[in-house]
């Protein structure tokens, strides 16, 4: 299962990097886009839950790293409840040149 990282910039300028065990993040987030904090948290949580479910279906157990990423995002959001989160990078990009 292809894994990926995604980096975001919070409203206060902090940048954080997060792990996903699946490229499914590309279905929920786009590089260069800005999302209100609550929208970003919802999108990221849904995508990470789906990624963890896929990991569980394939390997028989959920991905604790995806759960850790979700916890880090929730904690960062609690410190930055207002403003927008910018998606800075998603690696690897989708095949075919999509970001």
PDB file of N, CA and C in Angstrom:
ATOM      1  N   UNK A   1       0.856  -1.169   0.000  1.00  0.00           N
ATOM      2  CA  UNK A   1       0.000   0.000   0.000  1.00  0.00           C
ATOM      3  C   UNK A   1       0.901   1.231   0.000  1.00  0.00           C
ATOM      4  N   UNK A   2       0.735   2.122  -0.940  1.00  0.00           N
ATOM      5  CA  UNK A   2       1.614   3.298  -0.981  1.00  0.00           C
ATOM      6  C   UNK A   2       1.330   4.251   0.181  1.00  0.00           C
ATOM      7  N   UNK A   3       2.379   4.652   0.827  1.00  0.00           N
ATOM      8  CA  UNK A   3       2.249   5.609   1.929  1.00  0.00           C
ATOM      9  C   UNK A   3       2.612   6.997   1.441  1.00  0.00           C
ATOM     10  N   UNK A   4       2.281   8.002   2.240  1.00  0.00           N
ATOM     11  CA  UNK A   4       2.577   9.375   1.848  1.00  0.00           C
ATOM     12  C   UNK A   4       2.711  10.262   3.076  1.00  0.00           C
ATOM     13  N   UNK A   5       3.244  11.451   2.842  1.00  0.00           N
ATOM     14  CA  UNK A   5       3.257  12.498   3.849  1.00  0.00           C
ATOM     15  C   UNK A   5       2.588  13.723   3.255  1.00  0.00           C
ATOM     16  N   UNK A   6       2.035  14.539   4.121  1.00  0.00           N
ATOM     17  CA  UNK A   6       1.460  15.804   3.675  1.00  0.00           C
ATOM     18  C   UNK A   6       1.827  16.877   4.691  1.00  0.00           C
ATOM     19  N   UNK A   7       2.159  18.047   4.178  1.00  0.00           N
ATOM     20  CA  UNK A   7       2.587  19.157   5.024  1.00  0.00           C
ATOM     21  C   UNK A   7       1.572  20.283   4.926  1.00  0.00           C
ATOM     22  N   UNK A   8       1.320  20.906   6.070  1.00  0.00           N
ATOM     23  CA  UNK A   8       0.333  21.988   6.124  1.00  0.00           C
ATOM     24  C   UNK A   8       0.906  23.187   6.857  1.00  0.00           C
ATOM     25  N   UNK A   9       0.351  24.345   6.539  1.00  0.00           N
ATOM     26  CA  UNK A   9       0.710  25.588   7.245  1.00  0.00           C
ATOM     27  C   UNK A   9      -0.542  26.061   7.981  1.00  0.00           C
ATOM     28  N   UNK A  10      -0.421  26.187   9.295  1.00  0.00           N
ATOM     29  CA  UNK A  10      -1.526  26.612  10.145  1.00  0.00           C
ATOM     30  C   UNK A  10      -1.678  28.124  10.103  1.00  0.00           C
ATOM     31  N   UNK A  11      -2.801  28.647  10.580  1.00  0.00           N
ATOM     32  CA  UNK A  11      -3.031  30.100  10.530  1.00  0.00           C
ATOM     33  C   UNK A  11      -1.940  30.937  11.197  1.00  0.00           C
ATOM     34  N   UNK A  12      -1.269  30.378  12.209  1.00  0.00           N
ATOM     35  CA  UNK A  12      -0.209  31.130  12.895  1.00  0.00           C
ATOM     36  C   UNK A  12       1.148  31.009  12.202  1.00  0.00           C
ATOM     37  N   UNK A  13       1.183  30.325  11.042  1.00  0.00           N
ATOM     38  CA  UNK A  13       2.422  30.202  10.282  1.00  0.00           C
ATOM     39  C   UNK A  13       3.212  28.929  10.549  1.00  0.00           C
ATOM     40  N   UNK A  14       2.849  28.186  11.592  1.00  0.00           N
ATOM     41  CA  UNK A  14       3.542  26.922  11.874  1.00  0.00           C
ATOM     42  C   UNK A  14       3.297  25.940  10.740  1.00  0.00           C
ATOM     43  N   UNK A  15       4.314  25.148  10.414  1.00  0.00           N
ATOM     44  CA  UNK A  15       4.147  24.074   9.440  1.00  0.00           C
ATOM     45  C   UNK A  15       4.328  22.747  10.155  1.00  0.00           C
ATOM     46  N   UNK A  16       3.452  21.807   9.824  1.00  0.00           N
ATOM     47  CA  UNK A  16       3.550  20.469  10.382  1.00  0.00           C
ATOM     48  C   UNK A  16       3.451  19.466   9.245  1.00  0.00           C
ATOM     49  N   UNK A  17       4.066  18.313   9.462  1.00  0.00           N
ATOM     50  CA  UNK A  17       4.056  17.239   8.475  1.00  0.00           C
ATOM     51  C   UNK A  17       3.368  16.032   9.091  1.00  0.00           C
ATOM     52  N   UNK A  18       2.590  15.330   8.279  1.00  0.00           N
ATOM     53  CA  UNK A  18       1.798  14.215   8.773  1.00  0.00           C
ATOM     54  C   UNK A  18       1.923  13.024   7.825  1.00  0.00           C
ATOM     55  N   UNK A  19       1.676  11.836   8.369  1.00  0.00           N
ATOM     56  CA  UNK A  19       1.816  10.584   7.646  1.00  0.00           C
ATOM     57  C   UNK A  19       0.447   9.976   7.359  1.00  0.00           C
ATOM     58  N   UNK A  20       0.323   9.367   6.190  1.00  0.00           N
ATOM     59  CA  UNK A  20      -0.843   8.560   5.855  1.00  0.00           C
ATOM     60  C   UNK A  20      -0.351   7.260   5.219  1.00  0.00           C
ATOM     61  N   UNK A  21      -0.961   6.135   5.574  1.00  0.00           N
ATOM     62  CA  UNK A  21      -0.557   4.865   4.964  1.00  0.00           C
ATOM     63  C   UNK A  21      -1.144   4.669   3.570  1.00  0.00           C
ATOM     64  N   UNK A  22      -1.849   5.659   3.075  1.00  0.00           N
ATOM     65  CA  UNK A  22      -2.531   5.540   1.788  1.00  0.00           C
ATOM     66  C   UNK A  22      -2.522   6.885   1.060  1.00  0.00           C
ATOM     67  N   UNK A  23      -2.557   6.816  -0.259  1.00  0.00           N
ATOM     68  CA  UNK A  23      -2.641   8.032  -1.074  1.00  0.00           C
ATOM     69  C   UNK A  23      -4.039   8.640  -1.066  1.00  0.00           C
ATOM     70  N   UNK A  24      -4.953   8.076  -0.299  1.00  0.00           N
ATOM     71  CA  UNK A  24      -6.336   8.562  -0.256  1.00  0.00           C
ATOM     72  C   UNK A  24      -6.421  10.034   0.137  1.00  0.00           C
ATOM     73  N   UNK A  25      -5.397  10.559   0.785  1.00  0.00           N
ATOM     74  CA  UNK A  25      -5.402  11.984   1.163  1.00  0.00           C
ATOM     75  C   UNK A  25      -5.635  12.874  -0.054  1.00  0.00           C
ATOM     76  N   UNK A  26      -5.155  12.423  -1.212  1.00  0.00           N
ATOM     77  CA  UNK A  26      -5.341  13.204  -2.438  1.00  0.00           C
ATOM     78  C   UNK A  26      -6.814  13.362  -2.805  1.00  0.00           C
ATOM     79  N   UNK A  27      -7.666  12.462  -2.317  1.00  0.00           N
ATOM     80  CA  UNK A  27      -9.102  12.561  -2.590  1.00  0.00           C
ATOM     81  C   UNK A  27      -9.778  13.613  -1.715  1.00  0.00           C
ATOM     82  N   UNK A  28      -9.095  14.055  -0.662  1.00  0.00           N
ATOM     83  CA  UNK A  28      -9.695  14.962   0.310  1.00  0.00           C
ATOM     84  C   UNK A  28      -9.029  16.338   0.372  1.00  0.00           C
ATOM     85  N   UNK A  29      -7.758  16.407  -0.023  1.00  0.00           N
ATOM     86  CA  UNK A  29      -6.986  17.650   0.082  1.00  0.00           C
ATOM     87  C   UNK A  29      -6.237  17.909  -1.210  1.00  0.00           C
ATOM     88  N   UNK A  30      -5.951  19.181  -1.479  1.00  0.00           N
ATOM     89  CA  UNK A  30      -5.221  19.535  -2.687  1.00  0.00           C
ATOM     90  C   UNK A  30      -4.129  20.545  -2.344  1.00  0.00           C
ATOM     91  N   UNK A  31      -2.935  20.315  -2.865  1.00  0.00           N
ATOM     92  CA  UNK A  31      -1.812  21.223  -2.629  1.00  0.00           C
ATOM     93  C   UNK A  31      -2.179  22.629  -3.103  1.00  0.00           C
ATOM     94  N   UNK A  32      -1.849  23.606  -2.270  1.00  0.00           N
ATOM     95  CA  UNK A  32      -2.112  24.997  -2.596  1.00  0.00           C
ATOM     96  C   UNK A  32      -3.475  25.488  -2.133  1.00  0.00           C
ATOM     97  N   UNK A  33      -4.357  24.582  -1.805  1.00  0.00           N
ATOM     98  CA  UNK A  33      -5.686  24.976  -1.325  1.00  0.00           C
ATOM     99  C   UNK A  33      -5.617  25.361   0.143  1.00  0.00           C
ATOM    100  N   UNK A  34      -6.569  26.200   0.525  1.00  0.00           N
ATOM    101  CA  UNK A  34      -6.715  26.615   1.921  1.00  0.00           C
ATOM    102  C   UNK A  34      -8.095  26.171   2.389  1.00  0.00           C
ATOM    103  N   UNK A  35      -8.130  25.645   3.599  1.00  0.00           N
ATOM    104  CA  UNK A  35      -9.372  25.157   4.179  1.00  0.00           C
ATOM    105  C   UNK A  35      -9.546  25.778   5.561  1.00  0.00           C
ATOM    106  N   UNK A  36     -10.752  26.200   5.909  1.00  0.00           N
ATOM    107  CA  UNK A  36     -10.971  26.627   7.296  1.00  0.00           C
ATOM    108  C   UNK A  36     -10.522  25.498   8.230  1.00  0.00           C
ATOM    109  N   UNK A  37     -10.007  25.869   9.391  1.00  0.00           N
ATOM    110  CA  UNK A  37      -9.440  24.871  10.306  1.00  0.00           C
ATOM    111  C   UNK A  37     -10.404  23.710  10.527  1.00  0.00           C
ATOM    112  N   UNK A  38     -11.654  23.993  10.839  1.00  0.00           N
ATOM    113  CA  UNK A  38     -12.598  22.908  11.131  1.00  0.00           C
ATOM    114  C   UNK A  38     -12.837  22.021   9.911  1.00  0.00           C
ATOM    115  N   UNK A  39     -12.866  22.617   8.718  1.00  0.00           N
ATOM    116  CA  UNK A  39     -13.046  21.846   7.486  1.00  0.00           C
ATOM    117  C   UNK A  39     -11.824  20.956   7.249  1.00  0.00           C
ATOM    118  N   UNK A  40     -10.629  21.524   7.434  1.00  0.00           N
ATOM    119  CA  UNK A  40      -9.413  20.732   7.266  1.00  0.00           C
ATOM    120  C   UNK A  40      -9.395  19.546   8.224  1.00  0.00           C
ATOM    121  N   UNK A  41      -9.723  19.791   9.486  1.00  0.00           N
ATOM    122  CA  UNK A  41      -9.717  18.711  10.482  1.00  0.00           C
ATOM    123  C   UNK A  41     -10.702  17.621  10.065  1.00  0.00           C
ATOM    124  N   UNK A  42     -11.874  18.005   9.611  1.00  0.00           N
ATOM    125  CA  UNK A  42     -12.862  17.026   9.172  1.00  0.00           C
ATOM    126  C   UNK A  42     -12.383  16.213   7.984  1.00  0.00           C
ATOM    127  N   UNK A  43     -11.825  16.913   6.980  1.00  0.00           N
ATOM    128  CA  UNK A  43     -11.313  16.226   5.790  1.00  0.00           C
ATOM    129  C   UNK A  43     -10.168  15.281   6.139  1.00  0.00           C
ATOM    130  N   UNK A  44      -9.221  15.781   6.925  1.00  0.00           N
ATOM    131  CA  UNK A  44      -8.059  14.969   7.288  1.00  0.00           C
ATOM    132  C   UNK A  44      -8.475  13.772   8.132  1.00  0.00           C
ATOM    133  N   UNK A  45      -9.382  13.983   9.078  1.00  0.00           N
ATOM    134  CA  UNK A  45      -9.843  12.883   9.928  1.00  0.00           C
ATOM    135  C   UNK A  45     -10.544  11.808   9.113  1.00  0.00           C
ATOM    136  N   UNK A  46     -11.407  12.227   8.205  1.00  0.00           N
ATOM    137  CA  UNK A  46     -12.116  11.260   7.360  1.00  0.00           C
ATOM    138  C   UNK A  46     -11.135  10.478   6.486  1.00  0.00           C
ATOM    139  N   UNK A  47     -10.192  11.186   5.884  1.00  0.00           N
ATOM    140  CA  UNK A  47      -9.212  10.533   5.012  1.00  0.00           C
ATOM    141  C   UNK A  47      -8.315   9.582   5.795  1.00  0.00           C
ATOM    142  N   UNK A  48      -7.851  10.012   6.966  1.00  0.00           N
ATOM    143  CA  UNK A  48      -6.981   9.152   7.770  1.00  0.00           C
ATOM    144  C   UNK A  48      -7.726   7.930   8.291  1.00  0.00           C
ATOM    145  N   UNK A  49      -8.990   8.087   8.632  1.00  0.00           N
ATOM    146  CA  UNK A  49      -9.786   6.932   9.067  1.00  0.00           C
ATOM    147  C   UNK A  49      -9.931   5.939   7.919  1.00  0.00           C
ATOM    148  N   UNK A  50     -10.193   6.446   6.723  1.00  0.00           N
ATOM    149  CA  UNK A  50     -10.311   5.578   5.549  1.00  0.00           C
ATOM    150  C   UNK A  50      -8.978   4.884   5.259  1.00  0.00           C
ATOM    151  N   UNK A  51      -7.894   5.627   5.345  1.00  0.00           N
ATOM    152  CA  UNK A  51      -6.567   5.050   5.118  1.00  0.00           C
ATOM    153  C   UNK A  51      -6.282   3.942   6.136  1.00  0.00           C
ATOM    154  N   UNK A  52      -6.643   4.187   7.395  1.00  0.00           N
ATOM    155  CA  UNK A  52      -6.418   3.190   8.428  1.00  0.00           C
ATOM    156  C   UNK A  52      -7.292   1.957   8.198  1.00  0.00           C
ATOM    157  N   UNK A  53      -8.529   2.165   7.749  1.00  0.00           N
ATOM    158  CA  UNK A  53      -9.414   1.036   7.422  1.00  0.00           C
ATOM    159  C   UNK A  53      -8.820   0.197   6.292  1.00  0.00           C
ATOM    160  N   UNK A  54      -8.288   0.862   5.281  1.00  0.00           N
ATOM    161  CA  UNK A  54      -7.656   0.133   4.170  1.00  0.00           C
ATOM    162  C   UNK A  54      -6.470  -0.680   4.658  1.00  0.00           C
ATOM    163  N   UNK A  55      -5.712  -0.096   5.552  1.00  0.00           N
ATOM    164  CA  UNK A  55      -4.567  -0.794   6.143  1.00  0.00           C
ATOM    165  C   UNK A  55      -5.057  -2.019   6.919  1.00  0.00           C
ATOM    166  N   UNK A  56      -6.128  -1.829   7.674  1.00  0.00           N
ATOM    167  CA  UNK A  56      -6.691  -2.933   8.433  1.00  0.00           C
ATOM    168  C   UNK A  56      -7.199  -4.057   7.551  1.00  0.00           C
ATOM    169  N   UNK A  57      -7.835  -3.683   6.443  1.00  0.00           N
ATOM    170  CA  UNK A  57      -8.351  -4.700   5.522  1.00  0.00           C
ATOM    171  C   UNK A  57      -7.210  -5.495   4.886  1.00  0.00           C
ATOM    172  N   UNK A  58      -6.120  -4.820   4.613  1.00  0.00           N
ATOM    173  CA  UNK A  58      -5.001  -5.480   3.941  1.00  0.00           C
ATOM    174  C   UNK A  58      -4.131  -6.291   4.904  1.00  0.00           C
ATOM    175  N   UNK A  59      -3.856  -5.710   6.080  1.00  0.00           N
ATOM    176  CA  UNK A  59      -2.892  -6.325   6.990  1.00  0.00           C
ATOM    177  C   UNK A  59      -3.501  -6.894   8.274  1.00  0.00           C
ATOM    178  N   UNK A  60      -4.771  -6.625   8.505  1.00  0.00           N
ATOM    179  CA  UNK A  60      -5.424  -7.180   9.676  1.00  0.00           C
ATOM    180  C   UNK A  60      -5.367  -6.317  10.925  1.00  0.00           C
ATOM    181  N   UNK A  61      -4.792  -5.118  10.829  1.00  0.00           N
ATOM    182  CA  UNK A  61      -4.756  -4.213  11.978  1.00  0.00           C
ATOM    183  C   UNK A  61      -4.726  -2.777  11.482  1.00  0.00           C
ATOM    184  N   UNK A  62      -5.294  -1.889  12.284  1.00  0.00           N
ATOM    185  CA  UNK A  62      -5.350  -0.469  11.927  1.00  0.00           C
ATOM    186  C   UNK A  62      -3.955   0.153  12.006  1.00  0.00           C
ATOM    187  N   UNK A  63      -3.776   1.245  11.328  1.00  0.00           N
ATOM    188  CA  UNK A  63      -2.487   1.941  11.297  1.00  0.00           C
ATOM    189  C   UNK A  63      -2.392   2.925  12.462  1.00  0.00           C
ATOM    190  N   UNK A  64      -1.525   2.629  13.410  1.00  0.00           N
ATOM    191  CA  UNK A  64      -1.367   3.520  14.552  1.00  0.00           C
ATOM    192  C   UNK A  64      -0.721   4.844  14.154  1.00  0.00           C
ATOM    193  N   UNK A  65       0.081   4.846  13.097  1.00  0.00           N
ATOM    194  CA  UNK A  65       0.693   6.096  12.631  1.00  0.00           C
ATOM    195  C   UNK A  65      -0.366   7.048  12.086  1.00  0.00           C
ATOM    196  N   UNK A  66      -1.380   6.517  11.406  1.00  0.00           N
ATOM    197  CA  UNK A  66      -2.479   7.357  10.915  1.00  0.00           C
ATOM    198  C   UNK A  66      -3.242   7.947  12.099  1.00  0.00           C
ATOM    199  N   UNK A  67      -3.461   7.138  13.121  1.00  0.00           N
ATOM    200  CA  UNK A  67      -4.148   7.630  14.322  1.00  0.00           C
ATOM    201  C   UNK A  67      -3.320   8.705  15.013  1.00  0.00           C
ATOM    202  N   UNK A  68      -2.002   8.528  15.025  1.00  0.00           N
ATOM    203  CA  UNK A  68      -1.121   9.535  15.623  1.00  0.00           C
ATOM    204  C   UNK A  68      -1.200  10.838  14.829  1.00  0.00           C
ATOM    205  N   UNK A  69      -1.226  10.747  13.497  1.00  0.00           N
ATOM    206  CA  UNK A  69      -1.356  11.952  12.670  1.00  0.00           C
ATOM    207  C   UNK A  69      -2.661  12.667  12.987  1.00  0.00           C
ATOM    208  N   UNK A  70      -3.734  11.910  13.145  1.00  0.00           N
ATOM    209  CA  UNK A  70      -5.026  12.513  13.461  1.00  0.00           C
ATOM    210  C   UNK A  70      -4.978  13.226  14.814  1.00  0.00           C
ATOM    211  N   UNK A  71      -4.317  12.628  15.785  1.00  0.00           N
ATOM    212  CA  UNK A  71      -4.173  13.248  17.101  1.00  0.00           C
ATOM    213  C   UNK A  71      -3.357  14.538  17.021  1.00  0.00           C
ATOM    214  N   UNK A  72      -2.255  14.529  16.246  1.00  0.00           N
ATOM    215  CA  UNK A  72      -1.425  15.731  16.076  1.00  0.00           C
ATOM    216  C   UNK A  72      -2.226  16.846  15.417  1.00  0.00           C
ATOM    217  N   UNK A  73      -3.031  16.494  14.419  1.00  0.00           N
ATOM    218  CA  UNK A  73      -3.847  17.493  13.724  1.00  0.00           C
ATOM    219  C   UNK A  73      -4.880  18.082  14.682  1.00  0.00           C
ATOM    220  N   UNK A  74      -5.526  17.247  15.474  1.00  0.00           N
ATOM    221  CA  UNK A  74      -6.522  17.736  16.430  1.00  0.00           C
ATOM    222  C   UNK A  74      -5.890  18.677  17.456  1.00  0.00           C
ATOM    223  N   UNK A  75      -4.708  18.330  17.924  1.00  0.00           N
ATOM    224  CA  UNK A  75      -4.017  19.183  18.902  1.00  0.00           C
ATOM    225  C   UNK A  75      -3.617  20.516  18.285  1.00  0.00           C
ATOM    226  N   UNK A  76      -3.110  20.485  17.062  1.00  0.00           N
ATOM    227  CA  UNK A  76      -2.726  21.728  16.383  1.00  0.00           C
ATOM    228  C   UNK A  76      -3.958  22.592  16.118  1.00  0.00           C
ATOM    229  N   UNK A  77      -5.064  21.961  15.764  1.00  0.00           N
ATOM    230  CA  UNK A  77      -6.298  22.704  15.494  1.00  0.00           C
ATOM    231  C   UNK A  77      -6.819  23.367  16.762  1.00  0.00           C
ATOM    232  N   UNK A  78      -6.679  22.698  17.889  1.00  0.00           N
ATOM    233  CA  UNK A  78      -7.125  23.274  19.156  1.00  0.00           C
ATOM    234  C   UNK A  78      -6.337  24.537  19.494  1.00  0.00           C
ATOM    235  N   UNK A  79      -5.073  24.582  19.046  1.00  0.00           N
ATOM    236  CA  UNK A  79      -4.234  25.758  19.280  1.00  0.00           C
ATOM    237  C   UNK A  79      -4.456  26.846  18.232  1.00  0.00           C
ATOM    238  N   UNK A  80      -5.118  26.507  17.127  1.00  0.00           N
ATOM    239  CA  UNK A  80      -5.368  27.446  16.022  1.00  0.00           C
ATOM    240  C   UNK A  80      -6.817  27.317  15.561  1.00  0.00           C
ATOM    241  N   UNK A  81      -7.782  27.658  16.424  1.00  0.00           N
ATOM    242  CA  UNK A  81      -9.173  27.398  16.060  1.00  0.00           C
ATOM    243  C   UNK A  81      -9.731  28.287  14.949  1.00  0.00           C
ATOM    244  N   UNK A  82      -9.077  29.404  14.664  1.00  0.00           N
ATOM    245  CA  UNK A  82      -9.599  30.316  13.636  1.00  0.00           C
ATOM    246  C   UNK A  82      -8.603  30.434  12.487  1.00  0.00           C
ATOM    247  N   UNK A  83      -9.115  30.729  11.320  1.00  0.00           N
ATOM    248  CA  UNK A  83      -8.262  30.925  10.158  1.00  0.00           C
ATOM    249  C   UNK A  83      -8.312  29.743   9.216  1.00  0.00           C
ATOM    250  N   UNK A  84      -7.323  29.705   8.331  1.00  0.00           N
ATOM    251  CA  UNK A  84      -7.284  28.672   7.306  1.00  0.00           C
ATOM    252  C   UNK A  84      -5.976  27.901   7.351  1.00  0.00           C
ATOM    253  N   UNK A  85      -6.071  26.636   6.964  1.00  0.00           N
ATOM    254  CA  UNK A  85      -4.913  25.753   6.868  1.00  0.00           C
ATOM    255  C   UNK A  85      -4.584  25.602   5.393  1.00  0.00           C
ATOM    256  N   UNK A  86      -3.328  25.851   5.039  1.00  0.00           N
ATOM    257  CA  UNK A  86      -2.885  25.702   3.642  1.00  0.00           C
ATOM    258  C   UNK A  86      -2.176  24.366   3.474  1.00  0.00           C
ATOM    259  N   UNK A  87      -2.510  23.658   2.415  1.00  0.00           N
ATOM    260  CA  UNK A  87      -1.837  22.406   2.097  1.00  0.00           C
ATOM    261  C   UNK A  87      -0.574  22.779   1.328  1.00  0.00           C
ATOM    262  N   UNK A  88       0.573  22.558   1.936  1.00  0.00           N
ATOM    263  CA  UNK A  88       1.860  22.982   1.385  1.00  0.00           C
ATOM    264  C   UNK A  88       2.433  21.937   0.433  1.00  0.00           C
ATOM    265  N   UNK A  89       2.341  20.654   0.809  1.00  0.00           N
ATOM    266  CA  UNK A  89       2.920  19.592  -0.017  1.00  0.00           C
ATOM    267  C   UNK A  89       2.234  18.273   0.277  1.00  0.00           C
ATOM    268  N   UNK A  90       2.235  17.413  -0.736  1.00  0.00           N
ATOM    269  CA  UNK A  90       1.754  16.042  -0.594  1.00  0.00           C
ATOM    270  C   UNK A  90       2.702  15.173  -1.399  1.00  0.00           C
ATOM    271  N   UNK A  91       3.389  14.277  -0.704  1.00  0.00           N
ATOM    272  CA  UNK A  91       4.387  13.421  -1.344  1.00  0.00           C
ATOM    273  C   UNK A  91       4.104  11.949  -1.079  1.00  0.00           C
ATOM    274  N   UNK A  92       4.062  11.135  -2.069  1.00  0.00           N
ATOM    275  CA  UNK A  92       4.279  11.463  -3.475  1.00  0.00           C
ATOM    276  C   UNK A  92       3.017  12.040  -4.098  1.00  0.00           C
ATOM    277  N   UNK A  93       3.235  12.743  -5.206  1.00  0.00           N
ATOM    278  CA  UNK A  93       2.099  13.246  -5.977  1.00  0.00           C
ATOM    279  C   UNK A  93       1.409  12.066  -6.647  1.00  0.00           C
ATOM    280  N   UNK A  94       0.199  12.268  -7.065  1.00  0.00           N
ATOM    281  CA  UNK A  94      -0.517  11.212  -7.781  1.00  0.00           C
ATOM    282  C   UNK A  94       0.138  10.956  -9.129  1.00  0.00           C
ATOM    283  N   UNK A  95       0.081   9.732  -9.611  1.00  0.00           N
ATOM    284  CA  UNK A  95       0.593   9.447 -10.957  1.00  0.00           C
ATOM    285  C   UNK A  95      -0.127  10.312 -11.988  1.00  0.00           C
ATOM    286  N   UNK A  96       0.569  10.702 -13.017  1.00  0.00           N
ATOM    287  CA  UNK A  96      -0.021  11.544 -14.044  1.00  0.00           C
ATOM    288  C   UNK A  96       0.195  13.022 -13.806  1.00  0.00           C
ATOM    289  N   UNK A  97       0.979  13.364 -12.778  1.00  0.00           N
ATOM    290  CA  UNK A  97       1.338  14.760 -12.569  1.00  0.00           C
ATOM    291  C   UNK A  97       0.410  15.551 -11.683  1.00  0.00           C
ATOM    292  N   UNK A  98      -0.657  14.947 -11.176  1.00  0.00           N
ATOM    293  CA  UNK A  98      -1.549  15.684 -10.270  1.00  0.00           C
ATOM    294  C   UNK A  98      -0.804  15.947  -8.980  1.00  0.00           C
ATOM    295  N   UNK A  99      -1.110  17.072  -8.347  1.00  0.00           N
ATOM    296  CA  UNK A  99      -0.426  17.450  -7.105  1.00  0.00           C
ATOM    297  C   UNK A  99      -0.915  16.657  -5.931  1.00  0.00           C
TER     298      UNK A  99
END
